[in-house]
Each structure stands twice: as C-alpha cells, then as structure tokens.
Amino acid sequence: MSDSRHAALDLDRTLAPSVDVTASRTIGMRENMNVWFVTGASRGLGAEITREALERGHGVIATARDASVVLKAHPERPDGLLAVDADVTDEGQLAAAVEAGLARFGRIDTVVNNAGYGLVGAIEEVSDRAARDLFEVNVFGVLNTLRATLPTLRAQRSGHVLNISSVGGFATAPAVGLYGASKFALEGISEALHGELAPLGIRVTVIEPGGFRTGFLGTSSLRVEPAGIADYAAGAGPVREAMSTFDGLQPGDPAKAARAIVDITETDQPPLRLQLGADAVERVEAKLDLVRRELDQWRHVALSTAF
C-alpha cells in the first residue's frame, strides 16, 4: 500500500497526475446537499448506500480497501463521488481519507460505519486468531472511523452516525455467535454514543438488517471456520448448512434498504435503532417476548438480592 496521503482517487490511477490535485478540487455545495463518509463502499449495502446518496445529489467520500472497485461501479464519474483507499484497521489511511474529503467538500454530515464481515463457527471451534481478526474490523474498525470523523462533526455541532449492525447484533444464533458478539459490541457502542453526542446536535442510529441479497454470504464477506468438533453438529450444524445455501435467496432488497437508510437521515427525529426486513422484525419481537417472559418468571429472584 502506498502512502495513505496518496490514496484518495476520483480518477483512474493511470489518469491521476497527483492525488493532492484531485483531492483538493473543491466543488460547490448545492442546496440540501449533505456529505457522506461511507466505509466498505465497494460492495454490499455500502455500495447501495453510496449509489442512493449520489442519486439524491449528495456528496460521498466512499472508502474501501481498493477504491478502484468503487470507481468501476460509477463509470459516469459523478461530481459528488470521491473514492478513497482506506482500510478501517489503518488509522492513518482513515485520517487521510477524512482530510481528502474535507479538502474536496469542506464538511462531513453523515458517517456510515458499514465495513465488516461475517464469521461462521461454533464458539469453541473458532480460533483465537479468527476471533481477534473479526473484532479488529467489526469493532475496532468502527472505533478508528469514529475517532477520525467525529472531530469534524463535533466542530460543526451537527451530523448523523449510522452504524450498520445486524439483527444478529440483537438476537444471535448458534454458529454465528462471535459475529453476533461483534455486532452486540456495536450496539453497545451506539447506545452510549447516542447519549454522548445528542447534546452536541449529532444523531446516532444503529441499523439492524435481516437477510438481504448483498452477497454477504459469499466468500468475500463471510469466513467459515472448519467444523472440527462433532458434538456441535446438532447445535451449529443446521445454521452452517442454511448459510451455505441461502446466498441469493434472502428476502431483503438491498436497494430498498439503502433508500430506507438515506430516508431516516432526512427526518427530524430518527430512531436509535432501525430494523430492516420482516425477518429482522420477527427475530427482534421473539427475543423481546422471551426476555419479558423470563424477567417475569424470575423477577422474585432478581428482587431478592437487595440489602
């Protein structure tokens, strides 16, 4: 990877005489135009959000490990697009992406923490390295992005942070527990961040999608640990099998999800949580019912522990 300050591209690499020139070519802010900072913008929901924001006339700082993939998806090269190489595990690249975005647009209004991937395997089957790598991207990558972007939003006293979680961050399942744990962490971060940023005029929403046809279950976004312990065939096996055959059959339309996500940034009072998809609603309702039943059943025990 070249120096991160030479990674912001809005032209093909072979055509850009210097990144500093292309990044500093400031465009005028159109009325009602917001500037989006999107991680993981090269594929999946990040790519759809980028496209939807651009179609509504917004500016987008679209970050990805390989920004050329973003550019290939937008051959018309809209004026509002700035594609930037930035791995969320690299704080220097994120800082350079923010710097390039501010040079181009002068502000950042909406931060979308979308970069991440899935992991399949029973808890005991997942190696320490695989678990740490997952959290490095799904959790610490979000923290890196927040540290890079929030100083701008705080200075503006405005903005909206959108953290792309999963329904699995609210109600997880066998074989995807560590992925769910990474998204549970994102839910906790989002709840605290909501309270910390609200007095500054900055909004926070955590998005909990169900199954969408984004390619998430493909090899580029899902890592599978070997099923090495026979005892987990009954508990984790059915989920493993379902995930291996479900790609392309998910009920959710990613373009509609992107429209819903951009829509909530245009409302006066966006939700802290937004479920997307009937399957997400069903799983959230089922867990709420279970928690309520157990709370009522064991309330006497909970209350018996006071002095």
Protein backbone atom coordinates (compact mmCIF):
# COMPACT_ATOMS: atom_id res chain seq x y z
CA MET A 1 0.00 0.00 0.00
CA SER A 2 1.36 3.40 -0.91
CA ASP A 3 1.46 6.32 1.47
CA SER A 4 -2.11 6.87 2.69
CA ARG A 5 -1.94 10.53 1.72
CA HIS A 6 -1.58 9.39 -1.88
CA ALA A 7 -4.61 7.12 -1.85
CA ALA A 8 -7.59 9.42 -2.45
CA LEU A 9 -8.70 8.99 -6.04
CA ASP A 10 -11.53 10.43 -8.10
CA LEU A 11 -9.94 9.38 -11.40
CA ASP A 12 -8.42 6.13 -12.61
CA ARG A 13 -4.98 5.60 -11.11
CA THR A 14 -3.43 5.75 -14.57
CA LEU A 15 -5.01 9.16 -15.23
CA ALA A 16 -4.44 10.92 -11.92
CA PRO A 17 -1.30 13.10 -12.11
CA SER A 18 -1.33 13.51 -8.34
CA VAL A 19 -3.76 12.68 -5.61
CA ASP A 20 -3.28 16.02 -3.91
CA VAL A 21 -4.57 17.80 -7.04
CA THR A 22 -7.68 15.67 -7.43
CA ALA A 23 -8.49 15.71 -3.72
CA SER A 24 -8.26 19.48 -3.44
CA ARG A 25 -10.60 20.22 -6.33
CA THR A 26 -13.39 21.63 -4.15
CA ILE A 27 -16.93 21.52 -5.52
CA GLY A 28 -19.67 23.98 -4.63
CA MET A 29 -22.19 22.82 -2.05
CA ARG A 30 -25.61 22.51 -3.63
CA GLU A 31 -28.72 23.37 -1.64
CA ASN A 32 -29.75 20.48 0.66
CA MET A 33 -26.57 18.59 -0.23
CA ASN A 34 -25.03 16.51 2.54
CA VAL A 35 -21.64 14.86 2.51
CA TRP A 36 -21.48 11.17 3.37
CA PHE A 37 -18.46 9.24 4.63
CA VAL A 38 -19.04 5.54 3.89
CA THR A 39 -16.74 2.67 4.83
CA GLY A 40 -16.89 -0.60 2.93
CA ALA A 41 -18.36 1.24 -0.05
CA SER A 42 -17.14 -1.14 -2.73
CA ARG A 43 -19.81 -3.81 -2.29
CA GLY A 44 -22.97 -4.85 -0.50
CA LEU A 45 -25.02 -2.38 1.48
CA GLY A 46 -22.20 0.17 1.47
CA ALA A 47 -22.24 0.26 -2.33
CA GLU A 48 -26.03 0.64 -2.38
CA ILE A 49 -25.97 3.47 0.17
CA THR A 50 -23.28 5.22 -1.87
CA ARG A 51 -25.37 4.94 -5.03
CA GLU A 52 -28.57 6.13 -3.33
CA ALA A 53 -26.86 9.14 -1.74
CA LEU A 54 -25.28 10.13 -5.05
CA GLU A 55 -28.61 9.81 -6.88
CA ARG A 56 -30.15 12.24 -4.36
CA GLY A 57 -27.45 14.79 -5.13
CA HIS A 58 -25.30 14.26 -2.06
CA GLY A 59 -21.52 14.10 -1.94
CA VAL A 60 -19.96 10.80 -0.93
CA ILE A 61 -16.49 10.05 0.39
CA ALA A 62 -16.59 6.36 -0.50
CA THR A 63 -13.85 4.40 1.24
CA ALA A 64 -12.75 0.87 0.51
CA ARG A 65 -9.58 -1.17 0.66
CA ASP A 66 -9.48 -0.83 -3.12
CA ALA A 67 -11.11 2.40 -4.28
CA SER A 68 -10.83 1.39 -7.93
CA VAL A 69 -13.70 -1.05 -7.35
CA VAL A 70 -15.90 1.88 -6.31
CA LEU A 71 -14.91 3.82 -9.42
CA LYS A 72 -15.74 0.88 -11.68
CA ALA A 73 -19.28 0.88 -10.28
CA HIS A 74 -19.67 4.55 -11.27
CA PRO A 75 -18.17 4.89 -14.75
CA GLU A 76 -20.05 8.16 -15.23
CA ARG A 77 -17.84 9.67 -12.50
CA PRO A 78 -20.43 11.84 -10.73
CA ASP A 79 -19.04 15.10 -9.36
CA GLY A 80 -20.20 14.16 -5.88
CA LEU A 81 -18.08 10.99 -5.65
CA LEU A 82 -14.66 10.87 -4.03
CA ALA A 83 -13.36 7.30 -3.87
CA VAL A 84 -10.60 6.74 -1.34
CA ASP A 85 -8.39 3.79 -0.41
CA ALA A 86 -8.89 3.25 3.32
CA ASP A 87 -8.72 0.08 5.38
CA VAL A 88 -10.64 0.64 8.63
CA THR A 89 -7.88 -1.11 10.57
CA ASP A 90 -5.42 1.60 9.45
CA GLU A 91 -5.88 4.84 11.39
CA GLY A 92 -3.51 6.72 9.10
CA GLN A 93 -5.49 5.84 5.99
CA LEU A 94 -8.73 6.91 7.65
CA ALA A 95 -7.23 10.23 8.72
CA ALA A 96 -6.01 10.80 5.15
CA ALA A 97 -9.47 9.94 3.79
CA VAL A 98 -11.10 12.49 6.08
CA GLU A 99 -8.51 15.09 5.11
CA ALA A 100 -9.11 14.45 1.40
CA GLY A 101 -12.88 14.60 1.91
CA LEU A 102 -12.73 17.89 3.76
CA ALA A 103 -10.45 19.33 1.07
CA ARG A 104 -12.96 18.31 -1.56
CA PHE A 105 -16.27 19.06 0.15
CA GLY A 106 -15.46 21.18 3.20
CA ARG A 107 -17.61 19.15 5.63
CA ILE A 108 -18.90 15.70 6.59
CA ASP A 109 -22.56 15.28 7.56
CA THR A 110 -23.24 11.53 7.68
CA VAL A 111 -20.84 8.79 8.74
CA VAL A 112 -21.76 5.24 7.72
CA ASN A 113 -19.82 2.50 9.52
CA ASN A 114 -20.51 -0.32 7.10
CA ALA A 115 -17.19 -2.15 6.65
CA GLY A 116 -17.24 -5.60 8.20
CA TYR A 117 -17.61 -9.30 7.52
CA GLY A 118 -19.23 -12.42 8.92
CA LEU A 119 -17.80 -15.47 10.64
CA VAL A 120 -19.33 -18.95 10.90
CA GLY A 121 -18.33 -21.48 13.53
CA ALA A 122 -19.38 -22.75 16.94
CA ILE A 123 -17.81 -20.70 19.73
CA GLU A 124 -15.31 -23.41 20.69
CA GLU A 125 -14.45 -24.12 17.05
CA VAL A 126 -13.43 -20.56 16.21
CA SER A 127 -9.69 -19.97 16.56
CA ASP A 128 -8.33 -17.13 18.65
CA ARG A 129 -6.80 -15.57 15.52
CA ALA A 130 -10.10 -15.66 13.62
CA ALA A 131 -11.99 -14.12 16.55
CA ARG A 132 -9.45 -11.33 17.01
CA ASP A 133 -9.33 -10.56 13.28
CA LEU A 134 -13.12 -10.28 13.24
CA PHE A 135 -13.21 -7.81 16.14
CA GLU A 136 -10.33 -5.86 14.62
CA VAL A 137 -12.55 -4.98 11.66
CA ASN A 138 -16.12 -5.10 13.01
CA VAL A 139 -15.45 -3.32 16.30
CA PHE A 140 -12.07 -1.61 16.36
CA GLY A 141 -12.50 -0.55 12.73
CA VAL A 142 -15.63 1.33 13.77
CA LEU A 143 -13.79 2.97 16.67
CA ASN A 144 -10.99 4.00 14.30
CA THR A 145 -13.51 5.55 11.92
CA LEU A 146 -15.30 7.39 14.72
CA ARG A 147 -12.04 8.84 16.03
CA ALA A 148 -11.23 10.05 12.52
CA THR A 149 -14.62 11.61 11.73
CA LEU A 150 -16.18 12.77 14.99
CA PRO A 151 -13.89 15.79 15.48
CA THR A 152 -15.41 17.24 12.29
CA LEU A 153 -18.99 16.53 13.35
CA ARG A 154 -18.36 17.95 16.82
CA ALA A 155 -16.87 21.11 15.39
CA GLN A 156 -19.94 21.52 13.17
CA ARG A 157 -22.31 20.67 16.05
CA SER A 158 -24.28 18.58 13.57
CA GLY A 159 -24.22 15.25 11.81
CA HIS A 160 -25.54 11.71 11.85
CA VAL A 161 -23.67 8.48 12.61
CA LEU A 162 -25.14 5.34 11.06
CA ASN A 163 -23.69 2.11 12.43
CA ILE A 164 -24.54 -0.90 10.27
CA SER A 165 -25.14 -3.74 12.70
CA SER A 166 -27.34 -6.78 12.04
CA VAL A 167 -30.39 -8.38 13.54
CA GLY A 168 -27.71 -10.78 14.80
CA GLY A 169 -26.49 -7.90 16.96
CA PHE A 170 -29.78 -8.04 18.83
CA ALA A 171 -30.62 -11.76 18.69
CA THR A 172 -27.81 -14.06 17.64
CA ALA A 173 -27.84 -17.78 16.88
CA PRO A 174 -25.68 -20.92 17.05
CA ALA A 175 -22.72 -20.98 14.64
CA VAL A 176 -22.66 -17.18 14.30
CA GLY A 177 -22.14 -16.27 17.94
CA LEU A 178 -18.85 -14.45 17.51
CA TYR A 179 -20.15 -12.45 14.58
CA GLY A 180 -23.17 -11.65 16.74
CA ALA A 181 -20.86 -10.69 19.60
CA SER A 182 -19.05 -8.19 17.37
CA LYS A 183 -22.40 -6.65 16.46
CA PHE A 184 -23.58 -6.74 20.10
CA ALA A 185 -20.49 -4.64 20.82
CA LEU A 186 -21.50 -2.22 18.07
CA GLU A 187 -24.97 -1.96 19.60
CA GLY A 188 -23.46 -1.04 22.97
CA ILE A 189 -21.15 1.50 21.37
CA SER A 190 -24.10 3.02 19.54
CA GLU A 191 -26.26 3.32 22.65
CA ALA A 192 -23.51 5.10 24.57
CA LEU A 193 -22.56 7.25 21.59
CA HIS A 194 -26.18 8.33 21.24
CA GLY A 195 -26.13 9.77 24.76
CA GLU A 196 -22.71 11.34 24.35
CA LEU A 197 -23.39 13.07 21.04
CA ALA A 198 -27.03 14.13 21.42
CA PRO A 199 -26.13 17.27 23.44
CA LEU A 200 -23.84 18.28 20.56
CA GLY A 201 -26.58 18.06 17.94
CA ILE A 202 -25.26 14.81 16.44
CA ARG A 203 -27.61 11.89 15.90
CA VAL A 204 -26.84 8.18 16.08
CA THR A 205 -28.74 5.29 14.54
CA VAL A 206 -27.81 1.61 14.57
CA ILE A 207 -29.20 -0.34 11.60
CA GLU A 208 -30.26 -3.96 12.16
CA PRO A 209 -30.82 -5.63 8.78
CA GLY A 210 -32.12 -9.14 8.37
CA GLY A 211 -31.21 -11.17 5.30
CA PHE A 212 -30.53 -9.07 2.19
CA ARG A 213 -29.16 -10.11 -1.18
CA THR A 214 -25.92 -8.19 -0.84
CA GLY A 215 -23.50 -11.05 -1.40
CA PHE A 216 -22.80 -11.10 2.34
CA LEU A 217 -22.99 -14.91 2.44
CA GLY A 218 -20.41 -15.20 -0.33
CA THR A 219 -16.71 -15.86 0.18
CA SER A 220 -15.77 -12.16 0.01
CA SER A 221 -17.80 -11.26 3.11
CA LEU A 222 -18.12 -14.50 5.08
CA ARG A 223 -15.38 -16.58 6.64
CA VAL A 224 -16.10 -20.14 7.73
CA GLU A 225 -14.15 -21.99 10.39
CA PRO A 226 -13.87 -25.78 9.96
CA ALA A 227 -16.50 -27.86 11.73
CA GLY A 228 -13.93 -29.66 13.83
CA ILE A 229 -15.98 -30.79 16.84
CA ALA A 230 -18.63 -33.42 16.14
CA ASP A 231 -20.57 -32.58 19.30
CA TYR A 232 -21.66 -29.28 17.72
CA ALA A 233 -23.24 -30.87 14.65
CA ALA A 234 -26.71 -30.70 16.22
CA GLY A 235 -26.44 -27.16 17.64
CA ALA A 236 -24.43 -25.33 14.99
CA GLY A 237 -24.79 -27.65 12.02
CA PRO A 238 -28.24 -26.55 10.82
CA VAL A 239 -27.19 -22.89 10.75
CA ARG A 240 -23.97 -23.76 8.91
CA GLU A 241 -25.95 -25.65 6.29
CA ALA A 242 -28.57 -22.94 5.90
CA MET A 243 -26.00 -20.20 5.42
CA SER A 244 -24.16 -22.21 2.79
CA THR A 245 -27.30 -22.49 0.65
CA PHE A 246 -29.11 -19.22 1.41
CA ASP A 247 -26.97 -16.78 -0.58
CA GLY A 248 -29.10 -15.12 -3.25
CA LEU A 249 -32.32 -16.32 -1.62
CA GLN A 250 -32.53 -13.72 1.16
CA PRO A 251 -35.88 -11.90 1.30
CA GLY A 252 -34.46 -8.38 1.51
CA ASP A 253 -33.86 -5.98 -1.40
CA PRO A 254 -30.61 -4.04 -0.74
CA ALA A 255 -31.65 -1.10 -2.94
CA LYS A 256 -34.79 -0.65 -0.83
CA ALA A 257 -32.70 -0.94 2.33
CA ALA A 258 -30.41 1.82 1.10
CA ARG A 259 -33.40 4.05 0.36
CA ALA A 260 -34.78 3.47 3.85
CA ILE A 261 -31.40 4.29 5.40
CA VAL A 262 -30.99 7.52 3.46
CA ASP A 263 -34.62 8.40 4.23
CA ILE A 264 -34.09 8.36 8.00
CA THR A 265 -31.26 10.87 7.72
CA GLU A 266 -33.82 13.29 6.29
CA THR A 267 -36.20 13.03 9.25
CA ASP A 268 -36.19 15.34 12.26
CA GLN A 269 -36.21 12.55 14.82
CA PRO A 270 -34.50 9.42 13.50
CA PRO A 271 -34.67 6.25 15.62
CA LEU A 272 -31.83 4.94 17.73
CA ARG A 273 -32.47 1.50 16.20
CA LEU A 274 -33.89 0.66 12.78
CA GLN A 275 -34.72 -2.92 11.88
CA LEU A 276 -34.83 -3.72 8.16
CA GLY A 277 -36.75 -6.68 6.79
CA ALA A 278 -39.68 -8.73 8.02
CA ASP A 279 -37.28 -11.42 9.26
CA ALA A 280 -35.48 -8.85 11.40
CA VAL A 281 -38.75 -7.64 12.91
CA GLU A 282 -39.78 -11.23 13.67
CA ARG A 283 -36.49 -12.07 15.42
CA VAL A 284 -36.49 -8.88 17.48
CA GLU A 285 -40.10 -9.45 18.56
CA ALA A 286 -39.33 -13.07 19.50
CA LYS A 287 -36.39 -12.04 21.69
CA LEU A 288 -38.34 -9.24 23.35
CA ASP A 289 -41.09 -11.74 24.18
CA LEU A 290 -38.54 -14.21 25.60
CA VAL A 291 -36.81 -11.59 27.72
CA ARG A 292 -40.14 -10.36 29.07
CA ARG A 293 -41.26 -13.90 29.96
CA GLU A 294 -38.01 -14.73 31.73
CA LEU A 295 -37.98 -11.39 33.53
CA ASP A 296 -41.48 -12.02 34.83
CA GLN A 297 -40.72 -15.65 35.73
CA TRP A 298 -37.55 -14.85 37.65
CA ARG A 299 -38.44 -11.39 38.95
CA HIS A 300 -38.70 -12.68 42.53
CA VAL A 301 -35.11 -13.92 42.36
CA ALA A 302 -33.86 -10.67 40.87
CA LEU A 303 -35.59 -8.62 43.58
CA SER A 304 -34.48 -10.92 46.40
CA THR A 305 -30.87 -9.78 46.22
CA ALA A 306 -31.30 -6.32 47.76
CA PHE A 307 -29.94 -5.49 51.25
